[in-house]
Amino acid sequence: ERFVRLPGEVAKNVSQGVYSLHWHTAGGRVRFRTNSPYIAIHAKIPGPAKMSHFALTGSTGFDLYRMFGKEERYIASFVPPFDIKDGYEMVKEVGKGGMREYTINFPLYSTLTELYIGLAEGARVEAPTPYRDMPPIVYYGSSITQGGCASRPGSTYQAHLTRKLRIDHVNLGFSGSAKGEDEMIEYIKGLDMSCFVLDYDYNAPSAEHLAATHEKMFKAVRETHPDIP
């Protein structure tokens, strides 16, 4: 019924904070090839995030990237209206031409239940060029990892690395709520990944808490993934 970043039962067992944030779509993407001269979105967002220190284009907006040769470049933002209540729609002209490859990046701090993509009648739709044939990079951390306070979803450091390295990623950043809990350790160590980024330090309530959880998490992931960076 909505896009999530990890199973609801896992999130609920970790903490109320993680449960609330697991509905935020940080790291979400939809990728495709099309020859449509425009791309439209109709998004249902029952929980748009409005914050005084965070651009609405980053917390609640979508942005659009296109492949130019081997390089993926930003071309447009789907900017939510300031008075957004439960969603919005927008059309972006991308020009006529042959088949082109696009990525739409999802909002960083909002709940998304449905996303419809509109294309010109008769336009072709094909699968995108796959990412490199390897498991994704998994990121676990604080609001910095979730994407606060990037001006656009495609401006997060994980999005930059995915475009540069062509490796998929999973964003498990939980603003103020990533604290190296045992339930989260158990979940993450079971994920398929090519690299693990452990960056929840700023959420630790004390140095003692960090000392008790950080190495513990590292060792647990290293136990199930002995060879990854």
Protein backbone atom coordinates (compact mmCIF):
# COMPACT_ATOMS: atom_id res chain seq x y z
CA GLU A 1 0.00 0.00 0.00
CA ARG A 2 3.03 2.29 0.12
CA PHE A 3 6.71 2.33 -0.71
CA VAL A 4 8.93 1.25 2.20
CA ARG A 5 12.68 0.89 2.82
CA LEU A 6 12.53 -2.22 5.02
CA PRO A 7 9.81 -4.61 6.22
CA GLY A 8 7.27 -3.02 8.56
CA GLU A 9 7.63 -5.68 11.26
CA VAL A 10 11.39 -5.16 11.36
CA ALA A 11 10.98 -1.39 11.60
CA LYS A 12 8.37 -1.70 14.35
CA ASN A 13 10.65 -3.93 16.42
CA VAL A 14 13.55 -1.49 16.16
CA SER A 15 11.86 1.71 17.43
CA GLN A 16 8.95 4.05 16.85
CA GLY A 17 11.31 6.46 15.13
CA VAL A 18 12.51 3.91 12.59
CA TYR A 19 8.92 2.72 12.08
CA SER A 20 7.80 6.27 11.25
CA LEU A 21 10.75 6.87 8.93
CA HIS A 22 10.74 3.54 7.08
CA TRP A 23 7.90 4.97 4.95
CA HIS A 24 10.14 7.79 3.73
CA THR A 25 11.35 6.98 0.22
CA ALA A 26 15.01 8.08 0.47
CA GLY A 27 17.02 6.20 -2.14
CA GLY A 28 13.95 5.16 -4.13
CA ARG A 29 14.25 5.35 -7.92
CA VAL A 30 12.38 4.32 -11.03
CA ARG A 31 14.42 3.88 -14.22
CA PHE A 32 13.32 3.33 -17.81
CA ARG A 33 13.97 4.13 -21.47
CA THR A 34 11.42 5.92 -23.62
CA ASN A 35 11.07 8.09 -26.72
CA SER A 36 8.28 10.18 -25.20
CA PRO A 37 8.76 13.96 -25.70
CA TYR A 38 7.53 14.56 -22.15
CA ILE A 39 7.50 12.80 -18.80
CA ALA A 40 4.73 13.45 -16.29
CA ILE A 41 4.23 12.28 -12.73
CA HIS A 42 1.13 12.00 -10.57
CA ALA A 43 2.19 11.29 -6.98
CA LYS A 44 0.05 10.48 -3.98
CA ILE A 45 1.87 11.71 -0.87
CA PRO A 46 -0.24 11.51 2.30
CA GLY A 47 2.67 12.64 4.45
CA PRO A 48 4.48 15.56 2.75
CA ALA A 49 7.34 16.89 4.84
CA LYS A 50 7.56 20.64 5.36
CA MET A 51 10.49 21.94 7.38
CA SER A 52 11.91 25.43 7.81
CA HIS A 53 15.49 24.24 7.20
CA PHE A 54 14.88 21.85 4.29
CA ALA A 55 14.02 22.67 0.66
CA LEU A 56 10.66 21.19 -0.33
CA THR A 57 12.29 20.02 -3.58
CA GLY A 58 14.46 17.67 -1.49
CA SER A 59 12.07 16.55 1.22
CA THR A 60 9.01 16.04 -1.00
CA GLY A 61 10.08 16.53 -4.63
CA PHE A 62 11.21 14.22 -7.40
CA ASP A 63 13.98 14.91 -9.86
CA LEU A 64 14.80 13.64 -13.31
CA TYR A 65 18.14 12.48 -14.72
CA ARG A 66 18.99 11.41 -18.26
CA MET A 67 21.84 9.39 -19.68
CA PHE A 68 24.13 11.29 -22.05
CA GLY A 69 26.50 8.66 -23.42
CA LYS A 70 27.88 6.99 -20.30
CA GLU A 71 27.10 9.91 -17.98
CA GLU A 72 23.84 10.48 -16.11
CA ARG A 73 22.97 14.18 -15.81
CA TYR A 74 20.30 16.19 -14.02
CA ILE A 75 17.72 17.73 -16.36
CA ALA A 76 14.64 18.72 -14.32
CA SER A 77 12.85 18.81 -10.97
CA PHE A 78 9.24 17.91 -10.29
CA VAL A 79 8.66 20.74 -7.81
CA PRO A 80 5.81 20.28 -5.32
CA PRO A 81 3.50 23.24 -4.70
CA PHE A 82 4.12 25.07 -1.45
CA ASP A 83 0.59 24.27 -0.26
CA ILE A 84 0.89 20.54 -1.04
CA LYS A 85 -1.56 18.48 1.02
CA ASP A 86 -1.65 14.89 -0.26
CA GLY A 87 0.20 14.87 -3.57
CA TYR A 88 0.70 16.68 -6.86
CA GLU A 89 1.29 16.22 -10.57
CA MET A 90 3.59 17.85 -13.07
CA VAL A 91 4.76 17.51 -16.68
CA LYS A 92 8.30 18.04 -17.94
CA GLU A 93 9.13 18.42 -21.63
CA VAL A 94 12.25 16.46 -22.55
CA GLY A 95 12.27 17.00 -26.31
CA LYS A 96 11.68 14.80 -29.31
CA GLY A 97 14.21 12.21 -30.37
CA GLY A 98 15.02 8.54 -30.13
CA MET A 99 15.04 6.28 -27.11
CA ARG A 100 16.57 7.91 -24.04
CA GLU A 101 17.24 6.57 -20.58
CA TYR A 102 15.84 8.30 -17.47
CA THR A 103 15.97 8.00 -13.70
CA ILE A 104 13.35 9.55 -11.40
CA ASN A 105 14.60 9.96 -7.82
CA PHE A 106 12.02 9.75 -5.02
CA PRO A 107 11.50 12.23 -2.13
CA LEU A 108 13.88 11.98 0.82
CA TYR A 109 11.55 12.74 3.73
CA SER A 110 7.99 11.95 2.65
CA THR A 111 5.60 9.02 2.46
CA LEU A 112 4.63 7.95 -1.07
CA THR A 113 1.70 5.59 -1.63
CA GLU A 114 1.34 5.74 -5.42
CA LEU A 115 3.33 7.07 -8.36
CA TYR A 116 1.96 7.21 -11.89
CA ILE A 117 4.20 8.13 -14.82
CA GLY A 118 2.65 9.73 -17.89
CA LEU A 119 4.12 9.44 -21.39
CA ALA A 120 2.93 10.46 -24.85
CA GLU A 121 0.39 8.15 -26.44
CA GLY A 122 2.18 5.52 -28.50
CA ALA A 123 5.54 6.13 -26.84
CA ARG A 124 7.75 3.11 -26.35
CA VAL A 125 8.91 2.01 -22.91
CA GLU A 126 11.86 -0.31 -22.33
CA ALA A 127 13.97 -1.54 -19.45
CA PRO A 128 16.97 0.65 -18.55
CA THR A 129 20.61 -0.33 -18.81
CA PRO A 130 21.20 -2.51 -15.73
CA TYR A 131 23.48 -1.37 -12.96
CA ARG A 132 26.74 -3.30 -12.66
CA ASP A 133 26.18 -6.99 -11.98
CA MET A 134 26.86 -6.94 -8.26
CA PRO A 135 24.86 -6.54 -5.04
CA PRO A 136 23.97 -3.00 -3.94
CA ILE A 137 25.89 -0.78 -1.54
CA VAL A 138 23.99 -0.62 1.77
CA TYR A 139 24.12 2.62 3.78
CA TYR A 140 23.07 2.76 7.43
CA GLY A 141 23.11 6.00 9.35
CA SER A 142 21.58 9.23 10.59
CA SER A 143 19.78 12.10 8.85
CA ILE A 144 23.00 12.71 6.92
CA THR A 145 22.55 9.29 5.35
CA GLN A 146 18.80 9.68 4.81
CA GLY A 147 19.50 12.83 2.81
CA GLY A 148 18.99 15.79 5.13
CA CYS A 149 19.11 18.44 3.92
CA ALA A 150 19.88 17.91 0.22
CA SER A 151 18.15 20.37 -2.12
CA ARG A 152 17.10 17.52 -4.44
CA PRO A 153 16.85 13.73 -4.06
CA GLY A 154 19.55 13.26 -6.69
CA SER A 155 21.94 15.44 -4.67
CA THR A 156 22.51 12.93 -1.86
CA TYR A 157 25.99 11.48 -1.72
CA GLN A 158 24.64 7.98 -2.33
CA ALA A 159 22.91 9.14 -5.53
CA HIS A 160 26.17 10.74 -6.70
CA LEU A 161 28.08 7.50 -6.08
CA THR A 162 25.45 5.35 -7.80
CA ARG A 163 25.62 7.53 -10.91
CA LYS A 164 29.42 7.56 -10.90
CA LEU A 165 29.97 3.86 -10.13
CA ARG A 166 26.76 2.47 -11.74
CA ILE A 167 26.15 0.36 -8.62
CA ASP A 168 22.69 0.11 -7.04
CA HIS A 169 22.23 1.22 -3.44
CA VAL A 170 19.91 0.84 -0.43
CA ASN A 171 19.40 3.85 1.85
CA LEU A 172 18.82 2.89 5.49
CA GLY A 173 19.36 6.34 6.95
CA PHE A 174 16.93 7.16 9.77
CA SER A 175 16.92 10.76 10.92
CA GLY A 176 17.68 10.88 14.64
CA SER A 177 16.71 7.22 15.02
CA ALA A 178 19.61 5.05 13.85
CA LYS A 179 21.26 3.81 17.04
CA GLY A 180 22.72 0.41 16.20
CA GLU A 181 19.87 -1.58 17.77
CA ASP A 182 20.13 -5.38 17.90
CA GLU A 183 17.06 -5.78 15.65
CA MET A 184 18.62 -3.55 13.02
CA ILE A 185 21.91 -5.41 13.26
CA GLU A 186 20.13 -8.71 12.62
CA TYR A 187 18.29 -7.28 9.62
CA ILE A 188 21.29 -5.60 8.00
CA LYS A 189 23.69 -8.50 8.39
CA GLY A 190 21.29 -10.65 6.37
CA LEU A 191 21.16 -8.30 3.38
CA ASP A 192 22.96 -9.02 0.13
CA MET A 193 25.50 -6.24 -0.38
CA SER A 194 28.79 -5.48 -2.11
CA CYS A 195 29.83 -2.79 0.38
CA PHE A 196 28.58 -1.53 3.76
CA VAL A 197 28.67 2.09 4.96
CA LEU A 198 28.18 2.39 8.74
CA ASP A 199 27.51 6.01 9.69
CA TYR A 200 25.08 6.38 12.59
CA ASP A 201 27.58 8.01 14.99
CA TYR A 202 25.67 11.31 15.27
CA ASN A 203 22.53 9.53 16.52
CA ALA A 204 24.32 7.88 19.46
CA PRO A 205 23.00 9.40 22.71
CA SER A 206 26.39 9.03 24.39
CA ALA A 207 29.96 7.89 23.84
CA GLU A 208 29.17 4.86 25.99
CA HIS A 209 26.27 3.89 23.72
CA LEU A 210 28.49 4.18 20.65
CA ALA A 211 31.21 2.08 22.27
CA ALA A 212 28.67 -0.62 23.13
CA THR A 213 27.06 -0.81 19.67
CA HIS A 214 29.39 0.32 16.91
CA GLU A 215 31.99 -2.46 16.92
CA LYS A 216 29.24 -4.95 17.68
CA MET A 217 27.46 -4.02 14.47
CA PHE A 218 30.68 -4.05 12.47
CA LYS A 219 31.57 -7.54 13.69
CA ALA A 220 28.08 -8.89 13.00
CA VAL A 221 28.12 -7.67 9.40
CA ARG A 222 31.72 -8.85 8.95
CA GLU A 223 30.69 -12.31 10.19
CA THR A 224 28.16 -12.75 7.39
CA HIS A 225 30.11 -10.76 4.78
CA PRO A 226 33.80 -11.51 5.43
CA ASP A 227 35.11 -10.04 2.19
CA ILE A 228 33.20 -6.83 1.48
CA PRO A 229 34.65 -3.34 2.00
